[in-house]
Amino acid sequence: MVTQAERKEEEDGNAAKILILAQLEKSPRGISITGLVNECDISRMRVRVAIAYLLGAGKIEEEMVGMTKLYFLV
């Protein structure tokens, strides 16, 4: 049985993924996790979890530029 707290957590995670994908659409040159946190007004941890999911699903790509990881839509 799924608790109400688990359902809320899943909804928040889905909303974060949608916001991140929308922001990546607006950023063809890529954007860092810090940029996503600032633009989407989501916690850094939630952004990291959503990024990991989107990378695993093959919806985004990651590229190292110096010490910074930039994320792009596939």
PDB file of N, CA and C in Angstrom:
ATOM      1  N   MET A   1       0.837  -1.183   0.000  1.00  0.00           N
ATOM      2  CA  MET A   1       0.000   0.000   0.000  1.00  0.00           C
ATOM      3  C   MET A   1       0.886   1.252   0.000  1.00  0.00           C
ATOM      4  N   VAL A   2       0.570   2.183  -0.861  1.00  0.00           N
ATOM      5  CA  VAL A   2       1.339   3.420  -0.985  1.00  0.00           C
ATOM      6  C   VAL A   2       0.775   4.453  -0.018  1.00  0.00           C
ATOM      7  N   THR A   3       1.661   5.025   0.799  1.00  0.00           N
ATOM      8  CA  THR A   3       1.210   6.030   1.753  1.00  0.00           C
ATOM      9  C   THR A   3       1.053   7.379   1.062  1.00  0.00           C
ATOM     10  N   GLN A   4       0.366   8.266   1.742  1.00  0.00           N
ATOM     11  CA  GLN A   4       0.154   9.609   1.194  1.00  0.00           C
ATOM     12  C   GLN A   4       1.489  10.347   1.044  1.00  0.00           C
ATOM     13  N   ALA A   5       2.407  10.141   1.985  1.00  0.00           N
ATOM     14  CA  ALA A   5       3.722  10.793   1.915  1.00  0.00           C
ATOM     15  C   ALA A   5       4.510  10.291   0.705  1.00  0.00           C
ATOM     16  N   GLU A   6       4.435   8.987   0.427  1.00  0.00           N
ATOM     17  CA  GLU A   6       5.133   8.429  -0.735  1.00  0.00           C
ATOM     18  C   GLU A   6       4.547   8.964  -2.033  1.00  0.00           C
ATOM     19  N   ARG A   7       3.239   9.105  -2.073  1.00  0.00           N
ATOM     20  CA  ARG A   7       2.577   9.640  -3.267  1.00  0.00           C
ATOM     21  C   ARG A   7       3.001  11.091  -3.499  1.00  0.00           C
ATOM     22  N   LYS A   8       3.058  11.879  -2.423  1.00  0.00           N
ATOM     23  CA  LYS A   8       3.476  13.286  -2.523  1.00  0.00           C
ATOM     24  C   LYS A   8       4.923  13.374  -3.019  1.00  0.00           C
ATOM     25  N   GLU A   9       5.787  12.514  -2.496  1.00  0.00           N
ATOM     26  CA  GLU A   9       7.194  12.492  -2.914  1.00  0.00           C
ATOM     27  C   GLU A   9       7.311  12.182  -4.403  1.00  0.00           C
ATOM     28  N   GLU A  10       6.532  11.222  -4.882  1.00  0.00           N
ATOM     29  CA  GLU A  10       6.561  10.864  -6.304  1.00  0.00           C
ATOM     30  C   GLU A  10       6.059  12.018  -7.171  1.00  0.00           C
ATOM     31  N   GLU A  11       4.995  12.692  -6.743  1.00  0.00           N
ATOM     32  CA  GLU A  11       4.460  13.831  -7.501  1.00  0.00           C
ATOM     33  C   GLU A  11       5.480  14.960  -7.571  1.00  0.00           C
ATOM     34  N   ASP A  12       6.151  15.233  -6.440  1.00  0.00           N
ATOM     35  CA  ASP A  12       7.174  16.282  -6.418  1.00  0.00           C
ATOM     36  C   ASP A  12       8.332  15.932  -7.348  1.00  0.00           C
ATOM     37  N   GLY A  13       8.718  14.662  -7.369  1.00  0.00           N
ATOM     38  CA  GLY A  13       9.799  14.215  -8.250  1.00  0.00           C
ATOM     39  C   GLY A  13       9.436  14.380  -9.712  1.00  0.00           C
ATOM     40  N   ASN A  14       8.191  14.045 -10.062  1.00  0.00           N
ATOM     41  CA  ASN A  14       7.745  14.206 -11.450  1.00  0.00           C
ATOM     42  C   ASN A  14       7.701  15.672 -11.843  1.00  0.00           C
ATOM     43  N   ALA A  15       7.243  16.526 -10.931  1.00  0.00           N
ATOM     44  CA  ALA A  15       7.198  17.965 -11.208  1.00  0.00           C
ATOM     45  C   ALA A  15       8.614  18.504 -11.424  1.00  0.00           C
ATOM     46  N   ALA A  16       9.566  18.029 -10.629  1.00  0.00           N
ATOM     47  CA  ALA A  16      10.954  18.471 -10.770  1.00  0.00           C
ATOM     48  C   ALA A  16      11.501  18.077 -12.136  1.00  0.00           C
ATOM     49  N   LYS A  17      11.217  16.861 -12.575  1.00  0.00           N
ATOM     50  CA  LYS A  17      11.697  16.402 -13.885  1.00  0.00           C
ATOM     51  C   LYS A  17      11.122  17.260 -15.006  1.00  0.00           C
ATOM     52  N   ILE A  18       9.845  17.598 -14.902  1.00  0.00           N
ATOM     53  CA  ILE A  18       9.197  18.428 -15.925  1.00  0.00           C
ATOM     54  C   ILE A  18       9.833  19.817 -15.955  1.00  0.00           C
ATOM     55  N   LEU A  19      10.052  20.414 -14.784  1.00  0.00           N
ATOM     56  CA  LEU A  19      10.678  21.738 -14.717  1.00  0.00           C
ATOM     57  C   LEU A  19      12.097  21.711 -15.289  1.00  0.00           C
ATOM     58  N   ILE A  20      12.842  20.676 -14.966  1.00  0.00           N
ATOM     59  CA  ILE A  20      14.217  20.562 -15.454  1.00  0.00           C
ATOM     60  C   ILE A  20      14.239  20.402 -16.968  1.00  0.00           C
ATOM     61  N   LEU A  21      13.382  19.551 -17.506  1.00  0.00           N
ATOM     62  CA  LEU A  21      13.328  19.375 -18.963  1.00  0.00           C
ATOM     63  C   LEU A  21      12.945  20.680 -19.658  1.00  0.00           C
ATOM     64  N   ALA A  22      12.008  21.428 -19.078  1.00  0.00           N
ATOM     65  CA  ALA A  22      11.603  22.712 -19.660  1.00  0.00           C
ATOM     66  C   ALA A  22      12.772  23.696 -19.649  1.00  0.00           C
ATOM     67  N   GLN A  23      13.531  23.711 -18.558  1.00  0.00           N
ATOM     68  CA  GLN A  23      14.668  24.628 -18.472  1.00  0.00           C
ATOM     69  C   GLN A  23      15.768  24.227 -19.449  1.00  0.00           C
ATOM     70  N   LEU A  24      15.981  22.931 -19.625  1.00  0.00           N
ATOM     71  CA  LEU A  24      16.992  22.465 -20.578  1.00  0.00           C
ATOM     72  C   LEU A  24      16.605  22.814 -22.011  1.00  0.00           C
ATOM     73  N   GLU A  25      15.314  22.844 -22.296  1.00  0.00           N
ATOM     74  CA  GLU A  25      14.853  23.271 -23.628  1.00  0.00           C
ATOM     75  C   GLU A  25      15.250  24.714 -23.904  1.00  0.00           C
ATOM     76  N   LYS A  26      15.219  25.545 -22.861  1.00  0.00           N
ATOM     77  CA  LYS A  26      15.546  26.965 -22.997  1.00  0.00           C
ATOM     78  C   LYS A  26      17.056  27.210 -23.019  1.00  0.00           C
ATOM     79  N   SER A  27      17.849  26.176 -22.715  1.00  0.00           N
ATOM     80  CA  SER A  27      19.299  26.343 -22.575  1.00  0.00           C
ATOM     81  C   SER A  27      20.048  25.431 -23.542  1.00  0.00           C
ATOM     82  N   PRO A  28      20.105  25.784 -24.819  1.00  0.00           N
ATOM     83  CA  PRO A  28      20.763  24.910 -25.796  1.00  0.00           C
ATOM     84  C   PRO A  28      22.267  24.754 -25.548  1.00  0.00           C
ATOM     85  N   ARG A  29      22.872  25.693 -24.824  1.00  0.00           N
ATOM     86  CA  ARG A  29      24.314  25.605 -24.534  1.00  0.00           C
ATOM     87  C   ARG A  29      24.588  24.797 -23.274  1.00  0.00           C
ATOM     88  N   GLY A  30      23.537  24.274 -22.657  1.00  0.00           N
ATOM     89  CA  GLY A  30      23.681  23.462 -21.456  1.00  0.00           C
ATOM     90  C   GLY A  30      23.514  24.293 -20.200  1.00  0.00           C
ATOM     91  N   ILE A  31      23.291  23.603 -19.094  1.00  0.00           N
ATOM     92  CA  ILE A  31      23.116  24.272 -17.810  1.00  0.00           C
ATOM     93  C   ILE A  31      23.621  23.351 -16.708  1.00  0.00           C
ATOM     94  N   SER A  32      24.184  23.944 -15.676  1.00  0.00           N
ATOM     95  CA  SER A  32      24.739  23.180 -14.556  1.00  0.00           C
ATOM     96  C   SER A  32      23.652  22.897 -13.519  1.00  0.00           C
ATOM     97  N   ILE A  33      23.979  22.061 -12.549  1.00  0.00           N
ATOM     98  CA  ILE A  33      23.038  21.788 -11.460  1.00  0.00           C
ATOM     99  C   ILE A  33      22.738  23.075 -10.706  1.00  0.00           C
ATOM    100  N   THR A  34      23.757  23.883 -10.456  1.00  0.00           N
ATOM    101  CA  THR A  34      23.535  25.157  -9.753  1.00  0.00           C
ATOM    102  C   THR A  34      22.591  26.049 -10.546  1.00  0.00           C
ATOM    103  N   GLY A  35      22.768  26.101 -11.852  1.00  0.00           N
ATOM    104  CA  GLY A  35      21.872  26.881 -12.700  1.00  0.00           C
ATOM    105  C   GLY A  35      20.444  26.369 -12.628  1.00  0.00           C
ATOM    106  N   LEU A  36      20.282  25.043 -12.625  1.00  0.00           N
ATOM    107  CA  LEU A  36      18.940  24.461 -12.523  1.00  0.00           C
ATOM    108  C   LEU A  36      18.303  24.772 -11.174  1.00  0.00           C
ATOM    109  N   VAL A  37      19.098  24.693 -10.109  1.00  0.00           N
ATOM    110  CA  VAL A  37      18.581  25.014  -8.770  1.00  0.00           C
ATOM    111  C   VAL A  37      18.080  26.452  -8.744  1.00  0.00           C
ATOM    112  N   ASN A  38      18.870  27.372  -9.293  1.00  0.00           N
ATOM    113  CA  ASN A  38      18.490  28.786  -9.286  1.00  0.00           C
ATOM    114  C   ASN A  38      17.292  29.074 -10.187  1.00  0.00           C
ATOM    115  N   GLU A  39      17.263  28.493 -11.368  1.00  0.00           N
ATOM    116  CA  GLU A  39      16.193  28.774 -12.331  1.00  0.00           C
ATOM    117  C   GLU A  39      14.875  28.091 -11.977  1.00  0.00           C
ATOM    118  N   CYS A  40      14.946  26.876 -11.443  1.00  0.00           N
ATOM    119  CA  CYS A  40      13.727  26.101 -11.182  1.00  0.00           C
ATOM    120  C   CYS A  40      13.224  26.245  -9.752  1.00  0.00           C
ATOM    121  N   ASP A  41      14.029  26.839  -8.878  1.00  0.00           N
ATOM    122  CA  ASP A  41      13.660  27.010  -7.472  1.00  0.00           C
ATOM    123  C   ASP A  41      13.301  25.665  -6.829  1.00  0.00           C
ATOM    124  N   ILE A  42      14.189  24.690  -7.031  1.00  0.00           N
ATOM    125  CA  ILE A  42      14.046  23.352  -6.465  1.00  0.00           C
ATOM    126  C   ILE A  42      15.301  23.087  -5.643  1.00  0.00           C
ATOM    127  N   SER A  43      15.185  22.253  -4.616  1.00  0.00           N
ATOM    128  CA  SER A  43      16.356  21.942  -3.796  1.00  0.00           C
ATOM    129  C   SER A  43      17.419  21.227  -4.630  1.00  0.00           C
ATOM    130  N   ARG A  44      18.656  21.424  -4.236  1.00  0.00           N
ATOM    131  CA  ARG A  44      19.780  20.813  -4.947  1.00  0.00           C
ATOM    132  C   ARG A  44      19.651  19.287  -4.968  1.00  0.00           C
ATOM    133  N   MET A  45      19.235  18.697  -3.858  1.00  0.00           N
ATOM    134  CA  MET A  45      19.104  17.242  -3.791  1.00  0.00           C
ATOM    135  C   MET A  45      18.025  16.747  -4.752  1.00  0.00           C
ATOM    136  N   ARG A  46      16.908  17.433  -4.819  1.00  0.00           N
ATOM    137  CA  ARG A  46      15.840  17.013  -5.730  1.00  0.00           C
ATOM    138  C   ARG A  46      16.311  17.136  -7.185  1.00  0.00           C
ATOM    139  N   VAL A  47      17.069  18.189  -7.494  1.00  0.00           N
ATOM    140  CA  VAL A  47      17.614  18.345  -8.851  1.00  0.00           C
ATOM    141  C   VAL A  47      18.571  17.199  -9.159  1.00  0.00           C
ATOM    142  N   ARG A  48      19.443  16.853  -8.214  1.00  0.00           N
ATOM    143  CA  ARG A  48      20.402  15.758  -8.443  1.00  0.00           C
ATOM    144  C   ARG A  48      19.696  14.436  -8.688  1.00  0.00           C
ATOM    145  N   VAL A  49      18.646  14.156  -7.913  1.00  0.00           N
ATOM    146  CA  VAL A  49      17.898  12.903  -8.080  1.00  0.00           C
ATOM    147  C   VAL A  49      17.210  12.883  -9.446  1.00  0.00           C
ATOM    148  N   ALA A  50      16.584  13.995  -9.818  1.00  0.00           N
ATOM    149  CA  ALA A  50      15.895  14.073 -11.114  1.00  0.00           C
ATOM    150  C   ALA A  50      16.894  13.942 -12.266  1.00  0.00           C
ATOM    151  N   ILE A  51      18.060  14.578 -12.135  1.00  0.00           N
ATOM    152  CA  ILE A  51      19.104  14.489 -13.163  1.00  0.00           C
ATOM    153  C   ILE A  51      19.557  13.038 -13.325  1.00  0.00           C
ATOM    154  N   ALA A  52      19.771  12.349 -12.212  1.00  0.00           N
ATOM    155  CA  ALA A  52      20.193  10.944 -12.275  1.00  0.00           C
ATOM    156  C   ALA A  52      19.149  10.102 -12.999  1.00  0.00           C
ATOM    157  N   TYR A  53      17.879  10.346 -12.700  1.00  0.00           N
ATOM    158  CA  TYR A  53      16.803   9.604 -13.367  1.00  0.00           C
ATOM    159  C   TYR A  53      16.791   9.903 -14.868  1.00  0.00           C
ATOM    160  N   LEU A  54      16.873  11.188 -15.223  1.00  0.00           N
ATOM    161  CA  LEU A  54      16.821  11.586 -16.632  1.00  0.00           C
ATOM    162  C   LEU A  54      18.041  11.083 -17.409  1.00  0.00           C
ATOM    163  N   LEU A  55      19.209  11.056 -16.772  1.00  0.00           N
ATOM    164  CA  LEU A  55      20.405  10.495 -17.413  1.00  0.00           C
ATOM    165  C   LEU A  55      20.206   9.003 -17.675  1.00  0.00           C
ATOM    166  N   GLY A  56      19.698   8.298 -16.678  1.00  0.00           N
ATOM    167  CA  GLY A  56      19.461   6.866 -16.810  1.00  0.00           C
ATOM    168  C   GLY A  56      18.429   6.535 -17.868  1.00  0.00           C
ATOM    169  N   ALA A  57      17.439   7.413 -18.015  1.00  0.00           N
ATOM    170  CA  ALA A  57      16.380   7.209 -19.007  1.00  0.00           C
ATOM    171  C   ALA A  57      16.832   7.616 -20.408  1.00  0.00           C
ATOM    172  N   GLY A  58      18.020   8.229 -20.512  1.00  0.00           N
ATOM    173  CA  GLY A  58      18.538   8.634 -21.816  1.00  0.00           C
ATOM    174  C   GLY A  58      17.883   9.881 -22.377  1.00  0.00           C
ATOM    175  N   LYS A  59      17.251  10.682 -21.518  1.00  0.00           N
ATOM    176  CA  LYS A  59      16.579  11.897 -21.987  1.00  0.00           C
ATOM    177  C   LYS A  59      17.509  13.100 -22.019  1.00  0.00           C
ATOM    178  N   ILE A  60      18.593  13.040 -21.239  1.00  0.00           N
ATOM    179  CA  ILE A  60      19.562  14.134 -21.214  1.00  0.00           C
ATOM    180  C   ILE A  60      20.968  13.556 -21.287  1.00  0.00           C
ATOM    181  N   GLU A  61      21.930  14.440 -21.594  1.00  0.00           N
ATOM    182  CA  GLU A  61      23.344  14.064 -21.626  1.00  0.00           C
ATOM    183  C   GLU A  61      24.111  14.988 -20.702  1.00  0.00           C
ATOM    184  N   GLU A  62      25.262  14.492 -20.244  1.00  0.00           N
ATOM    185  CA  GLU A  62      26.125  15.236 -19.338  1.00  0.00           C
ATOM    186  C   GLU A  62      27.472  15.439 -20.018  1.00  0.00           C
ATOM    187  N   GLU A  63      28.027  16.647 -19.886  1.00  0.00           N
ATOM    188  CA  GLU A  63      29.342  16.938 -20.468  1.00  0.00           C
ATOM    189  C   GLU A  63      30.160  17.732 -19.458  1.00  0.00           C
ATOM    190  N   MET A  64      31.412  17.320 -19.267  1.00  0.00           N
ATOM    191  CA  MET A  64      32.310  18.049 -18.371  1.00  0.00           C
ATOM    192  C   MET A  64      32.927  19.221 -19.128  1.00  0.00           C
ATOM    193  N   VAL A  65      32.821  20.404 -18.563  1.00  0.00           N
ATOM    194  CA  VAL A  65      33.461  21.603 -19.102  1.00  0.00           C
ATOM    195  C   VAL A  65      34.286  22.174 -17.951  1.00  0.00           C
ATOM    196  N   GLY A  66      35.585  21.887 -17.973  1.00  0.00           N
ATOM    197  CA  GLY A  66      36.420  22.244 -16.831  1.00  0.00           C
ATOM    198  C   GLY A  66      35.994  21.418 -15.632  1.00  0.00           C
ATOM    199  N   MET A  67      35.675  22.073 -14.539  1.00  0.00           N
ATOM    200  CA  MET A  67      35.221  21.385 -13.327  1.00  0.00           C
ATOM    201  C   MET A  67      33.698  21.301 -13.243  1.00  0.00           C
ATOM    202  N   THR A  68      33.012  21.822 -14.239  1.00  0.00           N
ATOM    203  CA  THR A  68      31.552  21.898 -14.217  1.00  0.00           C
ATOM    204  C   THR A  68      30.935  20.850 -15.126  1.00  0.00           C
ATOM    205  N   LYS A  69      29.875  20.219 -14.642  1.00  0.00           N
ATOM    206  CA  LYS A  69      29.095  19.309 -15.480  1.00  0.00           C
ATOM    207  C   LYS A  69      27.922  20.096 -16.041  1.00  0.00           C
ATOM    208  N   LEU A  70      27.795  20.084 -17.362  1.00  0.00           N
ATOM    209  CA  LEU A  70      26.663  20.727 -18.019  1.00  0.00           C
ATOM    210  C   LEU A  70      25.726  19.649 -18.534  1.00  0.00           C
ATOM    211  N   TYR A  71      24.443  19.948 -18.503  1.00  0.00           N
ATOM    212  CA  TYR A  71      23.420  18.995 -18.928  1.00  0.00           C
ATOM    213  C   TYR A  71      22.682  19.543 -20.136  1.00  0.00           C
ATOM    214  N   PHE A  72      22.376  18.642 -21.083  1.00  0.00           N
ATOM    215  CA  PHE A  72      21.731  18.989 -22.350  1.00  0.00           C
ATOM    216  C   PHE A  72      20.614  17.998 -22.626  1.00  0.00           C
ATOM    217  N   LEU A  73      19.618  18.441 -23.383  1.00  0.00           N
ATOM    218  CA  LEU A  73      18.614  17.506 -23.891  1.00  0.00           C
ATOM    219  C   LEU A  73      19.246  16.650 -24.972  1.00  0.00           C
ATOM    220  N   VAL A  74      18.779  15.430 -25.100  1.00  0.00           N
ATOM    221  CA  VAL A  74      19.274  14.524 -26.156  1.00  0.00           C
ATOM    222  C   VAL A  74      18.562  14.852 -27.436  1.00  0.00           C
TER     223      VAL A  74
END
